[in-house]
mmCIF file of all heavy atoms, coordinates in Angstrom:
data_MODEL
# 
_entry.id   MODEL 
# 
loop_
_atom_site.group_PDB 
_atom_site.id 
_atom_site.type_symbol 
_atom_site.label_atom_id 
_atom_site.label_alt_id 
_atom_site.label_comp_id 
_atom_site.label_asym_id 
_atom_site.label_entity_id 
_atom_site.label_seq_id 
_atom_site.pdbx_PDB_ins_code 
_atom_site.Cartn_x 
_atom_site.Cartn_y 
_atom_site.Cartn_z 
_atom_site.occupancy 
_atom_site.B_iso_or_equiv 
_atom_site.pdbx_formal_charge 
_atom_site.auth_seq_id 
_atom_site.auth_comp_id 
_atom_site.auth_asym_id 
_atom_site.auth_atom_id 
_atom_site.pdbx_PDB_model_num 
ATOM 1   N N   . CYS A 1 1  ? 0.839   -1.191 0.000   1.00 0.00 ? 1  CYS A N   1 
ATOM 2   C CA  . CYS A 1 1  ? 0.000   0.000  0.000   1.00 0.00 ? 1  CYS A CA  1 
ATOM 3   C C   . CYS A 1 1  ? 0.882   1.251  0.000   1.00 0.00 ? 1  CYS A C   1 
ATOM 4   O O   . CYS A 1 1  ? 1.934   1.267  0.655   1.00 0.00 ? 1  CYS A O   1 
ATOM 5   C CB  . CYS A 1 1  ? -0.925  -0.008 1.218   1.00 0.00 ? 1  CYS A CB  1 
ATOM 6   S SG  . CYS A 1 1  ? -2.169  1.300  1.187   1.00 0.00 ? 1  CYS A SG  1 
ATOM 7   N N   . ARG A 1 2  ? 0.445   2.267  -0.750  1.00 0.00 ? 2  ARG A N   1 
ATOM 8   C CA  . ARG A 1 2  ? 1.238   3.501  -0.815  1.00 0.00 ? 2  ARG A CA  1 
ATOM 9   C C   . ARG A 1 2  ? 0.314   4.706  -0.978  1.00 0.00 ? 2  ARG A C   1 
ATOM 10  O O   . ARG A 1 2  ? -0.488  4.760  -1.912  1.00 0.00 ? 2  ARG A O   1 
ATOM 11  C CB  . ARG A 1 2  ? 2.229   3.438  -1.986  1.00 0.00 ? 2  ARG A CB  1 
ATOM 12  C CG  . ARG A 1 2  ? 3.159   4.628  -2.089  1.00 0.00 ? 2  ARG A CG  1 
ATOM 13  C CD  . ARG A 1 2  ? 4.106   4.669  -0.909  1.00 0.00 ? 2  ARG A CD  1 
ATOM 14  N NE  . ARG A 1 2  ? 5.000   5.797  -0.942  1.00 0.00 ? 2  ARG A NE  1 
ATOM 15  C CZ  . ARG A 1 2  ? 6.222   5.764  -1.468  1.00 0.00 ? 2  ARG A CZ  1 
ATOM 16  N NH1 . ARG A 1 2  ? 6.671   4.649  -2.029  1.00 0.00 ? 2  ARG A NH1 1 
ATOM 17  N NH2 . ARG A 1 2  ? 6.990   6.826  -1.436  1.00 0.00 ? 2  ARG A NH2 1 
ATOM 18  N N   . TRP A 1 3  ? 0.419   5.671  -0.033  1.00 0.00 ? 3  TRP A N   1 
ATOM 19  C CA  . TRP A 1 3  ? -0.309  6.925  -0.186  1.00 0.00 ? 3  TRP A CA  1 
ATOM 20  C C   . TRP A 1 3  ? 0.420   7.788  -1.202  1.00 0.00 ? 3  TRP A C   1 
ATOM 21  O O   . TRP A 1 3  ? 1.645   7.866  -1.209  1.00 0.00 ? 3  TRP A O   1 
ATOM 22  C CB  . TRP A 1 3  ? -0.391  7.661  1.150   1.00 0.00 ? 3  TRP A CB  1 
ATOM 23  C CG  . TRP A 1 3  ? -1.349  7.033  2.113   1.00 0.00 ? 3  TRP A CG  1 
ATOM 24  C CD1 . TRP A 1 3  ? -1.058  6.171  3.123   1.00 0.00 ? 3  TRP A CD1 1 
ATOM 25  C CD2 . TRP A 1 3  ? -2.765  7.217  2.130   1.00 0.00 ? 3  TRP A CD2 1 
ATOM 26  N NE1 . TRP A 1 3  ? -2.211  5.787  3.771   1.00 0.00 ? 3  TRP A NE1 1 
ATOM 27  C CE2 . TRP A 1 3  ? -3.277  6.411  3.183   1.00 0.00 ? 3  TRP A CE2 1 
ATOM 28  C CE3 . TRP A 1 3  ? -3.660  7.954  1.361   1.00 0.00 ? 3  TRP A CE3 1 
ATOM 29  C CZ2 . TRP A 1 3  ? -4.627  6.343  3.490   1.00 0.00 ? 3  TRP A CZ2 1 
ATOM 30  C CZ3 . TRP A 1 3  ? -5.009  7.895  1.660   1.00 0.00 ? 3  TRP A CZ3 1 
ATOM 31  C CH2 . TRP A 1 3  ? -5.486  7.103  2.711   1.00 0.00 ? 3  TRP A CH2 1 
ATOM 32  N N   . LEU A 1 4  ? -0.360  8.454  -2.072  1.00 0.00 ? 4  LEU A N   1 
ATOM 33  C CA  . LEU A 1 4  ? 0.220   9.250  -3.148  1.00 0.00 ? 4  LEU A CA  1 
ATOM 34  C C   . LEU A 1 4  ? 0.051   10.750 -2.922  1.00 0.00 ? 4  LEU A C   1 
ATOM 35  O O   . LEU A 1 4  ? 0.663   11.547 -3.615  1.00 0.00 ? 4  LEU A O   1 
ATOM 36  C CB  . LEU A 1 4  ? -0.413  8.863  -4.487  1.00 0.00 ? 4  LEU A CB  1 
ATOM 37  C CG  . LEU A 1 4  ? -0.357  7.362  -4.828  1.00 0.00 ? 4  LEU A CG  1 
ATOM 38  C CD1 . LEU A 1 4  ? -1.142  7.080  -6.086  1.00 0.00 ? 4  LEU A CD1 1 
ATOM 39  C CD2 . LEU A 1 4  ? 1.088   6.898  -4.975  1.00 0.00 ? 4  LEU A CD2 1 
ATOM 40  N N   . ARG A 1 5  ? -0.823  11.124 -1.987  1.00 0.00 ? 5  ARG A N   1 
ATOM 41  C CA  . ARG A 1 5  ? -1.025  12.548 -1.691  1.00 0.00 ? 5  ARG A CA  1 
ATOM 42  C C   . ARG A 1 5  ? -1.693  12.681 -0.332  1.00 0.00 ? 5  ARG A C   1 
ATOM 43  O O   . ARG A 1 5  ? -2.174  11.703 0.244   1.00 0.00 ? 5  ARG A O   1 
ATOM 44  C CB  . ARG A 1 5  ? -1.872  13.226 -2.753  1.00 0.00 ? 5  ARG A CB  1 
ATOM 45  C CG  . ARG A 1 5  ? -3.286  12.672 -2.900  1.00 0.00 ? 5  ARG A CG  1 
ATOM 46  C CD  . ARG A 1 5  ? -4.214  13.660 -3.566  1.00 0.00 ? 5  ARG A CD  1 
ATOM 47  N NE  . ARG A 1 5  ? -4.382  14.826 -2.705  1.00 0.00 ? 5  ARG A NE  1 
ATOM 48  C CZ  . ARG A 1 5  ? -4.612  16.043 -3.150  1.00 0.00 ? 5  ARG A CZ  1 
ATOM 49  N NH1 . ARG A 1 5  ? -4.692  16.261 -4.447  1.00 0.00 ? 5  ARG A NH1 1 
ATOM 50  N NH2 . ARG A 1 5  ? -4.760  17.051 -2.322  1.00 0.00 ? 5  ARG A NH2 1 
ATOM 51  N N   . ASN A 1 6  ? -1.738  13.917 0.157   1.00 0.00 ? 6  ASN A N   1 
ATOM 52  C CA  . ASN A 1 6  ? -2.397  14.218 1.416   1.00 0.00 ? 6  ASN A CA  1 
ATOM 53  C C   . ASN A 1 6  ? -3.872  14.470 1.149   1.00 0.00 ? 6  ASN A C   1 
ATOM 54  O O   . ASN A 1 6  ? -4.233  15.444 0.483   1.00 0.00 ? 6  ASN A O   1 
ATOM 55  C CB  . ASN A 1 6  ? -1.743  15.450 2.070   1.00 0.00 ? 6  ASN A CB  1 
ATOM 56  C CG  . ASN A 1 6  ? -2.305  15.723 3.470   1.00 0.00 ? 6  ASN A CG  1 
ATOM 57  O OD1 . ASN A 1 6  ? -3.232  15.047 3.910   1.00 0.00 ? 6  ASN A OD1 1 
ATOM 58  N ND2 . ASN A 1 6  ? -1.737  16.710 4.135   1.00 0.00 ? 6  ASN A ND2 1 
ATOM 59  N N   . VAL A 1 7  ? -4.739  13.605 1.643   1.00 0.00 ? 7  VAL A N   1 
ATOM 60  C CA  . VAL A 1 7  ? -6.172  13.717 1.350   1.00 0.00 ? 7  VAL A CA  1 
ATOM 61  C C   . VAL A 1 7  ? -6.816  14.876 2.091   1.00 0.00 ? 7  VAL A C   1 
ATOM 62  O O   . VAL A 1 7  ? -7.971  15.202 1.843   1.00 0.00 ? 7  VAL A O   1 
ATOM 63  C CB  . VAL A 1 7  ? -6.907  12.410 1.729   1.00 0.00 ? 7  VAL A CB  1 
ATOM 64  C CG1 . VAL A 1 7  ? -6.458  11.287 0.834   1.00 0.00 ? 7  VAL A CG1 1 
ATOM 65  C CG2 . VAL A 1 7  ? -6.683  12.065 3.192   1.00 0.00 ? 7  VAL A CG2 1 
ATOM 66  N N   . HIS A 1 8  ? -6.088  15.546 3.016   1.00 0.00 ? 8  HIS A N   1 
ATOM 67  C CA  . HIS A 1 8  ? -6.655  16.663 3.772   1.00 0.00 ? 8  HIS A CA  1 
ATOM 68  C C   . HIS A 1 8  ? -6.393  18.003 3.093   1.00 0.00 ? 8  HIS A C   1 
ATOM 69  O O   . HIS A 1 8  ? -6.713  19.052 3.647   1.00 0.00 ? 8  HIS A O   1 
ATOM 70  C CB  . HIS A 1 8  ? -6.075  16.682 5.188   1.00 0.00 ? 8  HIS A CB  1 
ATOM 71  C CG  . HIS A 1 8  ? -6.380  15.431 5.956   1.00 0.00 ? 8  HIS A CG  1 
ATOM 72  N ND1 . HIS A 1 8  ? -7.659  15.066 6.305   1.00 0.00 ? 8  HIS A ND1 1 
ATOM 73  C CD2 . HIS A 1 8  ? -5.566  14.452 6.425   1.00 0.00 ? 8  HIS A CD2 1 
ATOM 74  C CE1 . HIS A 1 8  ? -7.622  13.928 6.975   1.00 0.00 ? 8  HIS A CE1 1 
ATOM 75  N NE2 . HIS A 1 8  ? -6.371  13.535 7.050   1.00 0.00 ? 8  HIS A NE2 1 
ATOM 76  N N   . ASP A 1 9  ? -5.806  17.965 1.875   1.00 0.00 ? 9  ASP A N   1 
ATOM 77  C CA  . ASP A 1 9  ? -5.603  19.213 1.147   1.00 0.00 ? 9  ASP A CA  1 
ATOM 78  C C   . ASP A 1 9  ? -6.945  19.853 0.842   1.00 0.00 ? 9  ASP A C   1 
ATOM 79  O O   . ASP A 1 9  ? -7.965  19.180 0.700   1.00 0.00 ? 9  ASP A O   1 
ATOM 80  C CB  . ASP A 1 9  ? -4.853  18.959 -0.174  1.00 0.00 ? 9  ASP A CB  1 
ATOM 81  C CG  . ASP A 1 9  ? -3.403  18.585 0.087   1.00 0.00 ? 9  ASP A CG  1 
ATOM 82  O OD1 . ASP A 1 9  ? -2.949  18.794 1.226   1.00 0.00 ? 9  ASP A OD1 1 
ATOM 83  O OD2 . ASP A 1 9  ? -2.765  18.074 -0.849  1.00 0.00 ? 9  ASP A OD2 1 
ATOM 84  N N   . ASN A 1 10 ? -6.950  21.171 0.679   1.00 0.00 ? 10 ASN A N   1 
ATOM 85  C CA  . ASN A 1 10 ? -8.189  21.893 0.381   1.00 0.00 ? 10 ASN A CA  1 
ATOM 86  C C   . ASN A 1 10 ? -8.647  21.569 -1.033  1.00 0.00 ? 10 ASN A C   1 
ATOM 87  O O   . ASN A 1 10 ? -7.999  21.935 -2.006  1.00 0.00 ? 10 ASN A O   1 
ATOM 88  C CB  . ASN A 1 10 ? -7.959  23.406 0.544   1.00 0.00 ? 10 ASN A CB  1 
ATOM 89  C CG  . ASN A 1 10 ? -9.251  24.193 0.329   1.00 0.00 ? 10 ASN A CG  1 
ATOM 90  O OD1 . ASN A 1 10 ? -10.331 23.618 0.217   1.00 0.00 ? 10 ASN A OD1 1 
ATOM 91  N ND2 . ASN A 1 10 ? -9.115  25.515 0.298   1.00 0.00 ? 10 ASN A ND2 1 
ATOM 92  N N   . MET A 1 11 ? -9.783  20.894 -1.155  1.00 0.00 ? 11 MET A N   1 
ATOM 93  C CA  . MET A 1 11 ? -10.296 20.491 -2.466  1.00 0.00 ? 11 MET A CA  1 
ATOM 94  C C   . MET A 1 11 ? -11.668 21.100 -2.732  1.00 0.00 ? 11 MET A C   1 
ATOM 95  O O   . MET A 1 11 ? -12.405 20.653 -3.581  1.00 0.00 ? 11 MET A O   1 
ATOM 96  C CB  . MET A 1 11 ? -10.405 18.959 -2.523  1.00 0.00 ? 11 MET A CB  1 
ATOM 97  C CG  . MET A 1 11 ? -9.098  18.234 -2.289  1.00 0.00 ? 11 MET A CG  1 
ATOM 98  S SD  . MET A 1 11 ? -7.970  18.465 -3.640  1.00 0.00 ? 11 MET A SD  1 
ATOM 99  C CE  . MET A 1 11 ? -8.833  17.533 -4.894  1.00 0.00 ? 11 MET A CE  1 
ATOM 100 N N   . ASN A 1 12 ? -12.023 22.152 -1.998  1.00 0.00 ? 12 ASN A N   1 
ATOM 101 C CA  . ASN A 1 12 ? -13.383 22.677 -2.090  1.00 0.00 ? 12 ASN A CA  1 
ATOM 102 C C   . ASN A 1 12 ? -13.648 23.408 -3.393  1.00 0.00 ? 12 ASN A C   1 
ATOM 103 O O   . ASN A 1 12 ? -14.687 23.226 -4.017  1.00 0.00 ? 12 ASN A O   1 
ATOM 104 C CB  . ASN A 1 12 ? -13.662 23.622 -0.908  1.00 0.00 ? 12 ASN A CB  1 
ATOM 105 C CG  . ASN A 1 12 ? -13.672 22.859 0.408   1.00 0.00 ? 12 ASN A CG  1 
ATOM 106 O OD1 . ASN A 1 12 ? -14.053 21.700 0.447   1.00 0.00 ? 12 ASN A OD1 1 
ATOM 107 N ND2 . ASN A 1 12 ? -13.234 23.516 1.479   1.00 0.00 ? 12 ASN A ND2 1 
ATOM 108 N N   . SER A 1 13 ? -12.728 24.228 -3.819  1.00 0.00 ? 13 SER A N   1 
ATOM 109 C CA  . SER A 1 13 ? -12.966 25.010 -5.036  1.00 0.00 ? 13 SER A CA  1 
ATOM 110 C C   . SER A 1 13 ? -12.333 24.330 -6.233  1.00 0.00 ? 13 SER A C   1 
ATOM 111 O O   . SER A 1 13 ? -11.362 23.594 -6.113  1.00 0.00 ? 13 SER A O   1 
ATOM 112 C CB  . SER A 1 13 ? -12.381 26.416 -4.887  1.00 0.00 ? 13 SER A CB  1 
ATOM 113 O OG  . SER A 1 13 ? -10.966 26.364 -4.836  1.00 0.00 ? 13 SER A OG  1 
ATOM 114 N N   . SER A 1 14 ? -12.903 24.624 -7.404  1.00 0.00 ? 14 SER A N   1 
ATOM 115 C CA  . SER A 1 14 ? -12.391 24.011 -8.629  1.00 0.00 ? 14 SER A CA  1 
ATOM 116 C C   . SER A 1 14 ? -10.983 24.497 -8.935  1.00 0.00 ? 14 SER A C   1 
ATOM 117 O O   . SER A 1 14 ? -10.145 23.755 -9.434  1.00 0.00 ? 14 SER A O   1 
ATOM 118 C CB  . SER A 1 14 ? -13.327 24.312 -9.804  1.00 0.00 ? 14 SER A CB  1 
ATOM 119 O OG  . SER A 1 14 ? -13.437 25.716 -9.999  1.00 0.00 ? 14 SER A OG  1 
ATOM 120 N N   . ASN A 1 15 ? -10.678 25.780 -8.618  1.00 0.00 ? 15 ASN A N   1 
ATOM 121 C CA  . ASN A 1 15 ? -9.339  26.313 -8.887  1.00 0.00 ? 15 ASN A CA  1 
ATOM 122 C C   . ASN A 1 15 ? -8.298  25.610 -8.028  1.00 0.00 ? 15 ASN A C   1 
ATOM 123 O O   . ASN A 1 15 ? -7.225  25.243 -8.496  1.00 0.00 ? 15 ASN A O   1 
ATOM 124 C CB  . ASN A 1 15 ? -9.309  27.819 -8.632  1.00 0.00 ? 15 ASN A CB  1 
ATOM 125 C CG  . ASN A 1 15 ? -10.070 28.594 -9.699  1.00 0.00 ? 15 ASN A CG  1 
ATOM 126 O OD1 . ASN A 1 15 ? -10.199 28.126 -10.826 1.00 0.00 ? 15 ASN A OD1 1 
ATOM 127 N ND2 . ASN A 1 15 ? -10.580 29.763 -9.331  1.00 0.00 ? 15 ASN A ND2 1 
ATOM 128 N N   . ASN A 1 16 ? -8.639  25.423 -6.745  1.00 0.00 ? 16 ASN A N   1 
ATOM 129 C CA  . ASN A 1 16 ? -7.721  24.716 -5.849  1.00 0.00 ? 16 ASN A CA  1 
ATOM 130 C C   . ASN A 1 16 ? -7.463  23.301 -6.327  1.00 0.00 ? 16 ASN A C   1 
ATOM 131 O O   . ASN A 1 16 ? -6.355  22.803 -6.283  1.00 0.00 ? 16 ASN A O   1 
ATOM 132 C CB  . ASN A 1 16 ? -8.272  24.703 -4.419  1.00 0.00 ? 16 ASN A CB  1 
ATOM 133 C CG  . ASN A 1 16 ? -8.128  26.043 -3.734  1.00 0.00 ? 16 ASN A CG  1 
ATOM 134 O OD1 . ASN A 1 16 ? -7.322  26.875 -4.156  1.00 0.00 ? 16 ASN A OD1 1 
ATOM 135 N ND2 . ASN A 1 16 ? -8.916  26.269 -2.698  1.00 0.00 ? 16 ASN A ND2 1 
ATOM 136 N N   . PHE A 1 17 ? -8.535  22.649 -6.786  1.00 0.00 ? 17 PHE A N   1 
ATOM 137 C CA  . PHE A 1 17 ? -8.387  21.259 -7.243  1.00 0.00 ? 17 PHE A CA  1 
ATOM 138 C C   . PHE A 1 17 ? -7.494  21.187 -8.473  1.00 0.00 ? 17 PHE A C   1 
ATOM 139 O O   . PHE A 1 17 ? -6.566  20.384 -8.543  1.00 0.00 ? 17 PHE A O   1 
ATOM 140 C CB  . PHE A 1 17 ? -9.751  20.652 -7.554  1.00 0.00 ? 17 PHE A CB  1 
ATOM 141 C CG  . PHE A 1 17 ? -9.661  19.225 -8.019  1.00 0.00 ? 17 PHE A CG  1 
ATOM 142 C CD1 . PHE A 1 17 ? -9.579  18.193 -7.096  1.00 0.00 ? 17 PHE A CD1 1 
ATOM 143 C CD2 . PHE A 1 17 ? -9.606  18.918 -9.368  1.00 0.00 ? 17 PHE A CD2 1 
ATOM 144 C CE1 . PHE A 1 17 ? -9.463  16.875 -7.511  1.00 0.00 ? 17 PHE A CE1 1 
ATOM 145 C CE2 . PHE A 1 17 ? -9.492  17.604 -9.792  1.00 0.00 ? 17 PHE A CE2 1 
ATOM 146 C CZ  . PHE A 1 17 ? -9.417  16.592 -8.855  1.00 0.00 ? 17 PHE A CZ  1 
ATOM 147 N N   . ASN A 1 18 ? -7.779  22.035 -9.481  1.00 0.00 ? 18 ASN A N   1 
ATOM 148 C CA  . ASN A 1 18 ? -7.009  21.991 -10.727 1.00 0.00 ? 18 ASN A CA  1 
ATOM 149 C C   . ASN A 1 18 ? -5.542  22.331 -10.484 1.00 0.00 ? 18 ASN A C   1 
ATOM 150 O O   . ASN A 1 18 ? -4.646  21.693 -11.019 1.00 0.00 ? 18 ASN A O   1 
ATOM 151 C CB  . ASN A 1 18 ? -7.608  22.961 -11.749 1.00 0.00 ? 18 ASN A CB  1 
ATOM 152 C CG  . ASN A 1 18 ? -8.967  22.482 -12.240 1.00 0.00 ? 18 ASN A CG  1 
ATOM 153 O OD1 . ASN A 1 18 ? -9.323  21.336 -12.037 1.00 0.00 ? 18 ASN A OD1 1 
ATOM 154 N ND2 . ASN A 1 18 ? -9.714  23.379 -12.865 1.00 0.00 ? 18 ASN A ND2 1 
ATOM 155 N N   . ASN A 1 19 ? -5.289  23.368 -9.657  1.00 0.00 ? 19 ASN A N   1 
ATOM 156 C CA  . ASN A 1 19 ? -3.910  23.755 -9.373  1.00 0.00 ? 19 ASN A CA  1 
ATOM 157 C C   . ASN A 1 19 ? -3.183  22.647 -8.614  1.00 0.00 ? 19 ASN A C   1 
ATOM 158 O O   . ASN A 1 19 ? -2.031  22.329 -8.899  1.00 0.00 ? 19 ASN A O   1 
ATOM 159 C CB  . ASN A 1 19 ? -3.883  25.042 -8.560  1.00 0.00 ? 19 ASN A CB  1 
ATOM 160 C CG  . ASN A 1 19 ? -4.373  26.228 -9.372  1.00 0.00 ? 19 ASN A CG  1 
ATOM 161 O OD1 . ASN A 1 19 ? -4.297  26.214 -10.601 1.00 0.00 ? 19 ASN A OD1 1 
ATOM 162 N ND2 . ASN A 1 19 ? -4.874  27.256 -8.695  1.00 0.00 ? 19 ASN A ND2 1 
ATOM 163 N N   . SER A 1 20 ? -3.901  22.047 -7.634  1.00 0.00 ? 20 SER A N   1 
ATOM 164 C CA  . SER A 1 20 ? -3.307  20.955 -6.853  1.00 0.00 ? 20 SER A CA  1 
ATOM 165 C C   . SER A 1 20 ? -2.995  19.769 -7.734  1.00 0.00 ? 20 SER A C   1 
ATOM 166 O O   . SER A 1 20 ? -1.962  19.125 -7.604  1.00 0.00 ? 20 SER A O   1 
ATOM 167 C CB  . SER A 1 20 ? -4.260  20.550 -5.725  1.00 0.00 ? 20 SER A CB  1 
ATOM 168 O OG  . SER A 1 20 ? -3.799  19.387 -5.084  1.00 0.00 ? 20 SER A OG  1 
ATOM 169 N N   . TYR A 1 21 ? -3.889  19.487 -8.672  1.00 0.00 ? 21 TYR A N   1 
ATOM 170 C CA  . TYR A 1 21 ? -3.709  18.340 -9.567  1.00 0.00 ? 21 TYR A CA  1 
ATOM 171 C C   . TYR A 1 21 ? -2.478  18.540 -10.443 1.00 0.00 ? 21 TYR A C   1 
ATOM 172 O O   . TYR A 1 21 ? -1.610  17.684 -10.534 1.00 0.00 ? 21 TYR A O   1 
ATOM 173 C CB  . TYR A 1 21 ? -4.954  18.166 -10.424 1.00 0.00 ? 21 TYR A CB  1 
ATOM 174 C CG  . TYR A 1 21 ? -4.856  17.033 -11.415 1.00 0.00 ? 21 TYR A CG  1 
ATOM 175 C CD1 . TYR A 1 21 ? -5.250  15.748 -11.067 1.00 0.00 ? 21 TYR A CD1 1 
ATOM 176 C CD2 . TYR A 1 21 ? -4.366  17.244 -12.706 1.00 0.00 ? 21 TYR A CD2 1 
ATOM 177 C CE1 . TYR A 1 21 ? -5.163  14.705 -11.965 1.00 0.00 ? 21 TYR A CE1 1 
ATOM 178 C CE2 . TYR A 1 21 ? -4.265  16.216 -13.604 1.00 0.00 ? 21 TYR A CE2 1 
ATOM 179 C CZ  . TYR A 1 21 ? -4.668  14.943 -13.234 1.00 0.00 ? 21 TYR A CZ  1 
ATOM 180 O OH  . TYR A 1 21 ? -4.578  13.913 -14.123 1.00 0.00 ? 21 TYR A OH  1 
ATOM 181 N N   . ILE A 1 22 ? -2.417  19.699 -11.084 1.00 0.00 ? 22 ILE A N   1 
ATOM 182 C CA  . ILE A 1 22 ? -1.350  19.943 -12.053 1.00 0.00 ? 22 ILE A CA  1 
ATOM 183 C C   . ILE A 1 22 ? 0.006   20.014 -11.364 1.00 0.00 ? 22 ILE A C   1 
ATOM 184 O O   . ILE A 1 22 ? 1.004   19.461 -11.831 1.00 0.00 ? 22 ILE A O   1 
ATOM 185 C CB  . ILE A 1 22 ? -1.632  21.246 -12.833 1.00 0.00 ? 22 ILE A CB  1 
ATOM 186 C CG1 . ILE A 1 22 ? -2.915  21.073 -13.669 1.00 0.00 ? 22 ILE A CG1 1 
ATOM 187 C CG2 . ILE A 1 22 ? -0.455  21.613 -13.727 1.00 0.00 ? 22 ILE A CG2 1 
ATOM 188 C CD1 . ILE A 1 22 ? -3.418  22.353 -14.294 1.00 0.00 ? 22 ILE A CD1 1 
ATOM 189 N N   . GLU A 1 23 ? 0.055   20.711 -10.215 1.00 0.00 ? 23 GLU A N   1 
ATOM 190 C CA  . GLU A 1 23 ? 1.323   20.900 -9.534  1.00 0.00 ? 23 GLU A CA  1 
ATOM 191 C C   . GLU A 1 23 ? 1.877   19.615 -8.927  1.00 0.00 ? 23 GLU A C   1 
ATOM 192 O O   . GLU A 1 23 ? 3.075   19.399 -8.883  1.00 0.00 ? 23 GLU A O   1 
ATOM 193 C CB  . GLU A 1 23 ? 1.147   21.949 -8.419  1.00 0.00 ? 23 GLU A CB  1 
ATOM 194 C CG  . GLU A 1 23 ? 0.875   23.346 -8.959  1.00 0.00 ? 23 GLU A CG  1 
ATOM 195 C CD  . GLU A 1 23 ? 0.506   24.308 -7.854  1.00 0.00 ? 23 GLU A CD  1 
ATOM 196 O OE1 . GLU A 1 23 ? 0.502   23.870 -6.678  1.00 0.00 ? 23 GLU A OE1 1 
ATOM 197 O OE2 . GLU A 1 23 ? 0.226   25.480 -8.158  1.00 0.00 ? 23 GLU A OE2 1 
ATOM 198 N N   . GLY A 1 24 ? 0.978   18.727 -8.443  1.00 0.00 ? 24 GLY A N   1 
ATOM 199 C CA  . GLY A 1 24 ? 1.457   17.547 -7.734  1.00 0.00 ? 24 GLY A CA  1 
ATOM 200 C C   . GLY A 1 24 ? 1.419   16.256 -8.515  1.00 0.00 ? 24 GLY A C   1 
ATOM 201 O O   . GLY A 1 24 ? 1.835   15.217 -8.010  1.00 0.00 ? 24 GLY A O   1 
ATOM 202 N N   . LEU A 1 25 ? 0.926   16.303 -9.770  1.00 0.00 ? 25 LEU A N   1 
ATOM 203 C CA  . LEU A 1 25 ? 0.754   15.061 -10.525 1.00 0.00 ? 25 LEU A CA  1 
ATOM 204 C C   . LEU A 1 25 ? 2.071   14.363 -10.807 1.00 0.00 ? 25 LEU A C   1 
ATOM 205 O O   . LEU A 1 25 ? 2.180   13.145 -10.679 1.00 0.00 ? 25 LEU A O   1 
ATOM 206 C CB  . LEU A 1 25 ? 0.011   15.337 -11.837 1.00 0.00 ? 25 LEU A CB  1 
ATOM 207 C CG  . LEU A 1 25 ? -0.285  14.100 -12.695 1.00 0.00 ? 25 LEU A CG  1 
ATOM 208 C CD1 . LEU A 1 25 ? -1.156  13.109 -11.918 1.00 0.00 ? 25 LEU A CD1 1 
ATOM 209 C CD2 . LEU A 1 25 ? -0.960  14.482 -14.002 1.00 0.00 ? 25 LEU A CD2 1 
ATOM 210 N N   . ASP A 1 26 ? 3.072   15.138 -11.186 1.00 0.00 ? 26 ASP A N   1 
ATOM 211 C CA  . ASP A 1 26 ? 4.376   14.539 -11.491 1.00 0.00 ? 26 ASP A CA  1 
ATOM 212 C C   . ASP A 1 26 ? 4.913   13.774 -10.291 1.00 0.00 ? 26 ASP A C   1 
ATOM 213 O O   . ASP A 1 26 ? 5.483   12.680 -10.432 1.00 0.00 ? 26 ASP A O   1 
ATOM 214 C CB  . ASP A 1 26 ? 5.370   15.615 -11.929 1.00 0.00 ? 26 ASP A CB  1 
ATOM 215 C CG  . ASP A 1 26 ? 5.057   16.161 -13.307 1.00 0.00 ? 26 ASP A CG  1 
ATOM 216 O OD1 . ASP A 1 26 ? 4.297   15.492 -14.022 1.00 0.00 ? 26 ASP A OD1 1 
ATOM 217 O OD2 . ASP A 1 26 ? 5.550   17.250 -13.647 1.00 0.00 ? 26 ASP A OD2 1 
ATOM 218 N N   . ASN A 1 27 ? 4.741   14.345 -9.113  1.00 0.00 ? 27 ASN A N   1 
ATOM 219 C CA  . ASN A 1 27 ? 5.220   13.680 -7.902  1.00 0.00 ? 27 ASN A CA  1 
ATOM 220 C C   . ASN A 1 27 ? 4.450   12.388 -7.649  1.00 0.00 ? 27 ASN A C   1 
ATOM 221 O O   . ASN A 1 27 ? 5.028   11.370 -7.265  1.00 0.00 ? 27 ASN A O   1 
ATOM 222 C CB  . ASN A 1 27 ? 5.076   14.621 -6.709  1.00 0.00 ? 27 ASN A CB  1 
ATOM 223 C CG  . ASN A 1 27 ? 5.547   13.964 -5.422  1.00 0.00 ? 27 ASN A CG  1 
ATOM 224 O OD1 . ASN A 1 27 ? 6.676   13.496 -5.330  1.00 0.00 ? 27 ASN A OD1 1 
ATOM 225 N ND2 . ASN A 1 27 ? 4.663   13.906 -4.437  1.00 0.00 ? 27 ASN A ND2 1 
# 
């Protein structure tokens, strides 16, 4: 089992989600 991200990140707004996705996807 391996966690790939912190599930407690702010995901409420669409901008936060898209920015979080793009910035952290490579990692």
